[in-house]
């Protein structure tokens, strides 16, 4: 169901994309390997609480959220990862942990790590652990209109 919704949305807006089906994979790095996509082009979607308001954070699979930077840029007191129990009901059409990075589908603010804007193309889960979508980053940004801030740090 989420893939169909996403495809319909992209088609309605005349955006080019490719759907890739792959072996089941559960981390962004596993998905990238399974689909033969560079890790820097594979996007992961992380849900955080910023002063108890849920936000969708989108960053390359090779990066982690810099919570201090996010707190400073957003001007909030506290930013922390949301637990799966806290957000699982917000994405009823998706497998847990496979949400596409379209906060606008779920009435949620979307925050993108600035480093992601350097990519010409991005790939992301399409609501399942077996399907992903590849599209131009500029098209994604145009559709989602995320807040772009320097919040990604390369994983060690």
Protein backbone atom coordinates (compact mmCIF):
# COMPACT_ATOMS: atom_id res chain seq x y z
CA UNK A 1 0.00 0.00 0.00
CA UNK A 2 2.63 2.68 0.84
CA UNK A 3 4.48 2.04 -2.43
CA UNK A 4 1.28 2.60 -4.43
CA UNK A 5 0.56 5.83 -2.54
CA UNK A 6 4.11 7.02 -3.16
CA UNK A 7 4.05 6.11 -6.86
CA UNK A 8 0.69 7.85 -7.33
CA UNK A 9 2.06 10.95 -5.61
CA UNK A 10 5.22 11.00 -7.74
CA UNK A 11 3.23 10.42 -10.93
CA UNK A 12 0.77 13.21 -10.07
CA UNK A 13 3.73 15.58 -9.77
CA UNK A 14 5.47 14.31 -12.95
CA UNK A 15 8.58 13.17 -11.09
CA UNK A 16 10.92 10.49 -12.40
CA UNK A 17 11.75 7.56 -10.14
CA UNK A 18 12.78 3.93 -10.19
CA UNK A 19 11.34 1.22 -7.95
CA UNK A 20 13.83 -1.42 -6.85
CA UNK A 21 12.77 -4.68 -5.27
CA UNK A 22 15.44 -6.35 -3.15
CA UNK A 23 15.97 -9.13 -0.64
CA UNK A 24 14.51 -8.31 2.78
CA UNK A 25 16.85 -5.94 4.64
CA UNK A 26 16.27 -4.01 7.83
CA UNK A 27 19.00 -1.40 8.27
CA UNK A 28 19.71 1.32 5.74
CA UNK A 29 23.21 -0.11 5.23
CA UNK A 30 21.79 -3.61 4.59
CA UNK A 31 19.28 -2.19 2.10
CA UNK A 32 22.04 -0.31 0.28
CA UNK A 33 24.13 -3.48 0.02
CA UNK A 34 21.16 -5.61 -1.04
CA UNK A 35 20.15 -3.11 -3.74
CA UNK A 36 23.76 -2.35 -4.80
CA UNK A 37 23.48 1.35 -3.96
CA UNK A 38 26.29 3.43 -2.40
CA UNK A 39 25.62 3.97 1.32
CA UNK A 40 25.85 7.75 0.93
CA UNK A 41 22.93 7.66 -1.55
CA UNK A 42 20.73 5.47 0.66
CA UNK A 43 18.59 7.58 2.95
CA UNK A 44 17.40 6.55 6.38
CA UNK A 45 14.37 7.95 8.14
CA UNK A 46 14.70 8.51 11.88
CA UNK A 47 11.93 9.73 14.18
CA UNK A 48 12.96 12.07 16.97
CA UNK A 49 11.20 14.04 19.67
CA UNK A 50 12.17 17.71 19.76
CA UNK A 51 10.70 19.07 22.98
CA UNK A 52 8.16 16.21 22.74
CA UNK A 53 7.12 17.07 19.16
CA UNK A 54 7.70 14.21 16.72
CA UNK A 55 9.86 15.08 13.70
CA UNK A 56 11.02 12.99 10.77
CA UNK A 57 14.78 13.26 10.26
CA UNK A 58 16.23 12.22 6.91
CA UNK A 59 19.94 11.61 6.48
CA UNK A 60 22.38 9.40 4.56
CA UNK A 61 22.70 5.85 5.86
CA UNK A 62 26.38 6.62 6.51
CA UNK A 63 25.51 9.32 9.05
CA UNK A 64 24.01 9.63 12.51
CA UNK A 65 21.94 12.47 13.95
CA UNK A 66 24.00 15.15 15.69
CA UNK A 67 21.56 15.80 18.54
CA UNK A 68 23.47 18.81 19.92
CA UNK A 69 23.48 20.52 16.55
CA UNK A 70 19.81 19.74 16.01
CA UNK A 71 18.90 21.13 19.43
CA UNK A 72 20.84 24.34 18.73
CA UNK A 73 19.53 24.90 15.20
CA UNK A 74 15.91 24.17 16.12
CA UNK A 75 16.15 26.22 19.31
CA UNK A 76 14.72 23.46 21.50
CA UNK A 77 15.78 22.18 24.91
CA UNK A 78 15.70 18.46 24.21
CA UNK A 79 16.07 16.19 21.17
CA UNK A 80 16.03 12.43 21.52
CA UNK A 81 15.23 9.36 19.48
CA UNK A 82 11.60 8.35 19.68
CA UNK A 83 10.98 4.72 20.58
CA UNK A 84 9.25 2.47 18.07
CA UNK A 85 6.31 2.20 20.47
CA UNK A 86 5.92 5.98 20.39
CA UNK A 87 5.64 6.26 16.61
CA UNK A 88 4.47 2.90 15.25
CA UNK A 89 0.81 4.03 15.13
CA UNK A 90 1.77 7.13 13.13
CA UNK A 91 2.68 5.01 10.08
CA UNK A 92 -0.12 2.45 9.85
CA UNK A 93 0.53 1.68 6.18
CA UNK A 94 4.26 0.96 6.65
CA UNK A 95 6.34 -1.85 8.04
CA UNK A 96 8.02 -0.66 11.23
CA UNK A 97 11.26 1.11 10.37
CA UNK A 98 10.58 1.29 6.62
CA UNK A 99 8.80 4.65 6.45
CA UNK A 100 9.47 6.69 3.31
CA UNK A 101 11.00 10.11 4.06
CA UNK A 102 7.79 11.99 3.28
CA UNK A 103 6.69 13.57 6.55
CA UNK A 104 4.03 15.44 4.58
CA UNK A 105 2.22 12.09 4.11
CA UNK A 106 1.94 11.78 7.89
CA UNK A 107 1.42 15.40 8.98
CA UNK A 108 4.91 15.50 10.43
CA UNK A 109 7.69 18.08 10.00
CA UNK A 110 10.56 16.74 7.92
CA UNK A 111 14.14 17.74 8.69
CA UNK A 112 16.91 16.85 6.22
CA UNK A 113 20.62 16.68 6.99
CA UNK A 114 22.33 19.35 4.90
CA UNK A 115 24.92 16.85 3.66
CA UNK A 116 22.15 15.03 1.77
CA UNK A 117 21.67 18.04 -0.52
CA UNK A 118 25.04 17.21 -2.10
CA UNK A 119 23.58 14.02 -3.62
CA UNK A 120 22.11 14.14 -7.09
CA UNK A 121 20.04 11.02 -6.45
CA UNK A 122 18.69 9.42 -3.29
CA UNK A 123 17.16 6.03 -2.53
CA UNK A 124 14.85 5.23 0.35
CA UNK A 125 12.53 2.60 1.79
CA UNK A 126 9.08 2.69 0.23
CA UNK A 127 7.16 1.44 3.26
CA UNK A 128 8.44 -2.14 3.24
CA UNK A 129 11.75 -3.88 3.88
CA UNK A 130 11.75 -5.23 0.31
CA UNK A 131 11.16 -2.16 -1.88
CA UNK A 132 12.89 1.13 -2.36
CA UNK A 133 12.52 4.16 -4.58
CA UNK A 134 15.34 6.07 -6.26
CA UNK A 135 14.75 9.65 -7.39
CA UNK A 136 16.51 12.98 -7.82
CA UNK A 137 17.16 14.75 -4.54
CA UNK A 138 16.02 18.08 -6.01
CA UNK A 139 12.62 16.55 -6.89
CA UNK A 140 12.34 15.11 -3.39
CA UNK A 141 13.11 18.49 -1.81
CA UNK A 142 10.56 20.21 -4.05
CA UNK A 143 7.81 17.76 -3.03
CA UNK A 144 8.52 17.55 0.70
CA UNK A 145 9.84 21.07 1.36
CA UNK A 146 11.89 19.90 4.35
CA UNK A 147 13.83 22.04 6.76
CA UNK A 148 17.48 21.56 5.73
CA UNK A 149 19.95 21.88 8.60
CA UNK A 150 23.49 20.65 9.45
CA UNK A 151 22.54 17.69 11.65
CA UNK A 152 24.32 14.69 10.17
CA UNK A 153 27.64 13.36 11.41
CA UNK A 154 29.52 10.56 9.72
CA UNK A 155 29.26 7.30 11.61
CA UNK A 156 32.49 6.12 13.25
